[in-house]
């Protein structure tokens, strides 16, 4: 049994090495892709997967004069940790290029205020 697993691992490694030097054409079909706007997200994970929930933070008035924020989850994406890491690296590069062109994105809202 262990021999079969070792052969399987070697086979996958050989395929990866062969594909590393090959060009692959990627076609993308976006015809059935829904688009959503999200101003908030939530993350969660298990031992094997990462879950990303995207949605809207909506301020709702309450009877006691203290507003409440409701997170309306609109979409969930489930990834392996390998895909999540590739996504994190890609987003980091995208944000770095944006900041090089347009300036730093300030996350502290009070620092962005103009008086």
C-alpha atoms as a PDB file:
ATOM      1  CA  UNK A   1       0.000   0.000   0.000  1.00  0.00           C
ATOM      2  CA  UNK A   2       2.747   2.483   0.902  1.00  0.00           C
ATOM      3  CA  UNK A   3       4.520   1.674  -2.362  1.00  0.00           C
ATOM      4  CA  UNK A   4       1.426   2.713  -4.340  1.00  0.00           C
ATOM      5  CA  UNK A   5       1.255   6.045  -2.478  1.00  0.00           C
ATOM      6  CA  UNK A   6       4.946   6.728  -3.138  1.00  0.00           C
ATOM      7  CA  UNK A   7       4.511   5.940  -6.828  1.00  0.00           C
ATOM      8  CA  UNK A   8       1.494   8.279  -6.912  1.00  0.00           C
ATOM      9  CA  UNK A   9       3.464  11.128  -5.331  1.00  0.00           C
ATOM     10  CA  UNK A  10       6.359  10.602  -7.751  1.00  0.00           C
ATOM     11  CA  UNK A  11       3.926  10.599 -10.682  1.00  0.00           C
ATOM     12  CA  UNK A  12       2.391  13.928  -9.571  1.00  0.00           C
ATOM     13  CA  UNK A  13       5.867  15.454  -9.070  1.00  0.00           C
ATOM     14  CA  UNK A  14       6.933  14.301 -12.545  1.00  0.00           C
ATOM     15  CA  UNK A  15       3.796  15.814 -14.091  1.00  0.00           C
ATOM     16  CA  UNK A  16       4.430  19.106 -12.297  1.00  0.00           C
ATOM     17  CA  UNK A  17       8.025  19.199 -13.559  1.00  0.00           C
ATOM     18  CA  UNK A  18       6.905  18.472 -17.126  1.00  0.00           C
ATOM     19  CA  UNK A  19       4.194  21.143 -17.000  1.00  0.00           C
ATOM     20  CA  UNK A  20       6.508  23.767 -15.478  1.00  0.00           C
ATOM     21  CA  UNK A  21       8.264  24.282 -18.819  1.00  0.00           C
ATOM     22  CA  UNK A  22       5.128  24.127 -20.964  1.00  0.00           C
ATOM     23  CA  UNK A  23       2.971  27.044 -21.972  1.00  0.00           C
ATOM     24  CA  UNK A  24      -0.700  26.552 -21.264  1.00  0.00           C
ATOM     25  CA  UNK A  25      -3.455  28.596 -22.837  1.00  0.00           C
ATOM     26  CA  UNK A  26      -6.144  29.683 -20.372  1.00  0.00           C
ATOM     27  CA  UNK A  27      -9.628  30.536 -21.579  1.00  0.00           C
ATOM     28  CA  UNK A  28     -12.075  32.265 -19.247  1.00  0.00           C
ATOM     29  CA  UNK A  29     -15.854  32.113 -19.664  1.00  0.00           C
ATOM     30  CA  UNK A  30     -17.563  34.909 -17.687  1.00  0.00           C
ATOM     31  CA  UNK A  31     -20.998  34.630 -19.297  1.00  0.00           C
ATOM     32  CA  UNK A  32     -22.716  33.081 -16.257  1.00  0.00           C
ATOM     33  CA  UNK A  33     -20.757  34.911 -13.566  1.00  0.00           C
ATOM     34  CA  UNK A  34     -22.793  36.948 -11.091  1.00  0.00           C
ATOM     35  CA  UNK A  35     -21.171  40.090  -9.678  1.00  0.00           C
ATOM     36  CA  UNK A  36     -21.779  41.454  -6.203  1.00  0.00           C
ATOM     37  CA  UNK A  37     -20.547  44.493  -4.329  1.00  0.00           C
ATOM     38  CA  UNK A  38     -19.126  43.890  -0.860  1.00  0.00           C
ATOM     39  CA  UNK A  39     -17.975  46.424   1.704  1.00  0.00           C
ATOM     40  CA  UNK A  40     -17.324  43.776   4.353  1.00  0.00           C
ATOM     41  CA  UNK A  41     -16.020  40.258   4.685  1.00  0.00           C
ATOM     42  CA  UNK A  42     -15.643  37.541   7.291  1.00  0.00           C
ATOM     43  CA  UNK A  43     -13.115  34.728   7.356  1.00  0.00           C
ATOM     44  CA  UNK A  44     -13.255  31.308   8.926  1.00  0.00           C
ATOM     45  CA  UNK A  45     -11.327  28.116   8.499  1.00  0.00           C
ATOM     46  CA  UNK A  46     -11.172  24.431   9.207  1.00  0.00           C
ATOM     47  CA  UNK A  47      -8.127  22.198   9.142  1.00  0.00           C
ATOM     48  CA  UNK A  48      -8.538  21.812   5.370  1.00  0.00           C
ATOM     49  CA  UNK A  49     -10.425  24.835   4.024  1.00  0.00           C
ATOM     50  CA  UNK A  50     -10.704  28.601   4.242  1.00  0.00           C
ATOM     51  CA  UNK A  51     -14.133  30.219   4.024  1.00  0.00           C
ATOM     52  CA  UNK A  52     -14.559  33.821   2.903  1.00  0.00           C
ATOM     53  CA  UNK A  53     -17.980  35.424   3.340  1.00  0.00           C
ATOM     54  CA  UNK A  54     -18.627  38.647   1.437  1.00  0.00           C
ATOM     55  CA  UNK A  55     -21.489  41.052   2.001  1.00  0.00           C
ATOM     56  CA  UNK A  56     -22.681  44.444   3.136  1.00  0.00           C
ATOM     57  CA  UNK A  57     -22.474  46.217   6.462  1.00  0.00           C
ATOM     58  CA  UNK A  58     -25.828  47.962   6.822  1.00  0.00           C
ATOM     59  CA  UNK A  59     -26.441  50.453   9.647  1.00  0.00           C
ATOM     60  CA  UNK A  60     -29.868  49.969  11.180  1.00  0.00           C
ATOM     61  CA  UNK A  61     -31.482  52.275  13.723  1.00  0.00           C
ATOM     62  CA  UNK A  62     -32.685  50.727  16.964  1.00  0.00           C
ATOM     63  CA  UNK A  63     -35.185  51.842  19.604  1.00  0.00           C
ATOM     64  CA  UNK A  64     -32.484  52.729  22.126  1.00  0.00           C
ATOM     65  CA  UNK A  65     -30.855  55.350  19.859  1.00  0.00           C
ATOM     66  CA  UNK A  66     -27.707  53.263  19.436  1.00  0.00           C
ATOM     67  CA  UNK A  67     -27.340  52.170  15.805  1.00  0.00           C
ATOM     68  CA  UNK A  68     -26.656  48.555  15.008  1.00  0.00           C
ATOM     69  CA  UNK A  69     -24.650  47.186  12.105  1.00  0.00           C
ATOM     70  CA  UNK A  70     -26.088  44.176  10.311  1.00  0.00           C
ATOM     71  CA  UNK A  71     -23.696  42.126   8.166  1.00  0.00           C
ATOM     72  CA  UNK A  72     -25.740  40.809   5.241  1.00  0.00           C
ATOM     73  CA  UNK A  73     -23.769  37.863   3.838  1.00  0.00           C
ATOM     74  CA  UNK A  74     -24.294  37.655   0.076  1.00  0.00           C
ATOM     75  CA  UNK A  75     -21.676  35.180  -1.082  1.00  0.00           C
ATOM     76  CA  UNK A  76     -19.334  32.536   0.308  1.00  0.00           C
ATOM     77  CA  UNK A  77     -16.123  31.329  -1.314  1.00  0.00           C
ATOM     78  CA  UNK A  78     -14.476  28.165  -0.005  1.00  0.00           C
ATOM     79  CA  UNK A  79     -10.789  27.639  -0.814  1.00  0.00           C
ATOM     80  CA  UNK A  80      -8.006  25.253   0.043  1.00  0.00           C
ATOM     81  CA  UNK A  81      -5.230  26.830   2.078  1.00  0.00           C
ATOM     82  CA  UNK A  82      -2.972  26.617  -0.996  1.00  0.00           C
ATOM     83  CA  UNK A  83      -5.450  28.640  -3.066  1.00  0.00           C
ATOM     84  CA  UNK A  84      -5.988  31.053  -0.174  1.00  0.00           C
ATOM     85  CA  UNK A  85      -2.249  31.691   0.043  1.00  0.00           C
ATOM     86  CA  UNK A  86      -2.030  32.317  -3.702  1.00  0.00           C
ATOM     87  CA  UNK A  87      -4.987  34.710  -3.389  1.00  0.00           C
ATOM     88  CA  UNK A  88      -3.325  36.551  -0.481  1.00  0.00           C
ATOM     89  CA  UNK A  89      -0.076  36.967  -2.433  1.00  0.00           C
ATOM     90  CA  UNK A  90      -1.919  38.131  -5.554  1.00  0.00           C
ATOM     91  CA  UNK A  91      -3.997  40.664  -3.600  1.00  0.00           C
ATOM     92  CA  UNK A  92      -0.828  41.966  -1.924  1.00  0.00           C
ATOM     93  CA  UNK A  93       0.802  42.546  -5.322  1.00  0.00           C
ATOM     94  CA  UNK A  94      -2.346  44.211  -6.682  1.00  0.00           C
ATOM     95  CA  UNK A  95      -2.586  46.581  -3.713  1.00  0.00           C
ATOM     96  CA  UNK A  96       1.144  47.375  -3.841  1.00  0.00           C
ATOM     97  CA  UNK A  97       0.839  48.396  -7.522  1.00  0.00           C
ATOM     98  CA  UNK A  98      -2.240  50.522  -6.754  1.00  0.00           C
ATOM     99  CA  UNK A  99      -0.454  52.332  -3.921  1.00  0.00           C
ATOM    100  CA  UNK A 100       2.612  52.946  -6.076  1.00  0.00           C
ATOM    101  CA  UNK A 101       0.383  54.656  -8.631  1.00  0.00           C
ATOM    102  CA  UNK A 102      -2.145  56.442  -6.388  1.00  0.00           C
ATOM    103  CA  UNK A 103      -0.590  56.617  -2.903  1.00  0.00           C
ATOM    104  CA  UNK A 104      -1.010  54.685   0.302  1.00  0.00           C
ATOM    105  CA  UNK A 105      -4.449  53.399   1.227  1.00  0.00           C
ATOM    106  CA  UNK A 106      -5.057  54.626   4.780  1.00  0.00           C
ATOM    107  CA  UNK A 107      -7.133  52.103   6.739  1.00  0.00           C
ATOM    108  CA  UNK A 108      -7.653  54.372   9.762  1.00  0.00           C
ATOM    109  CA  UNK A 109     -10.811  56.323   8.947  1.00  0.00           C
ATOM    110  CA  UNK A 110      -9.923  59.201  11.270  1.00  0.00           C
ATOM    111  CA  UNK A 111      -6.621  59.690   9.396  1.00  0.00           C
ATOM    112  CA  UNK A 112      -8.506  60.063   6.111  1.00  0.00           C
ATOM    113  CA  UNK A 113     -10.725  62.903   7.358  1.00  0.00           C
ATOM    114  CA  UNK A 114     -10.210  66.296   5.855  1.00  0.00           C
ATOM    115  CA  UNK A 115     -11.231  69.182   8.038  1.00  0.00           C
END
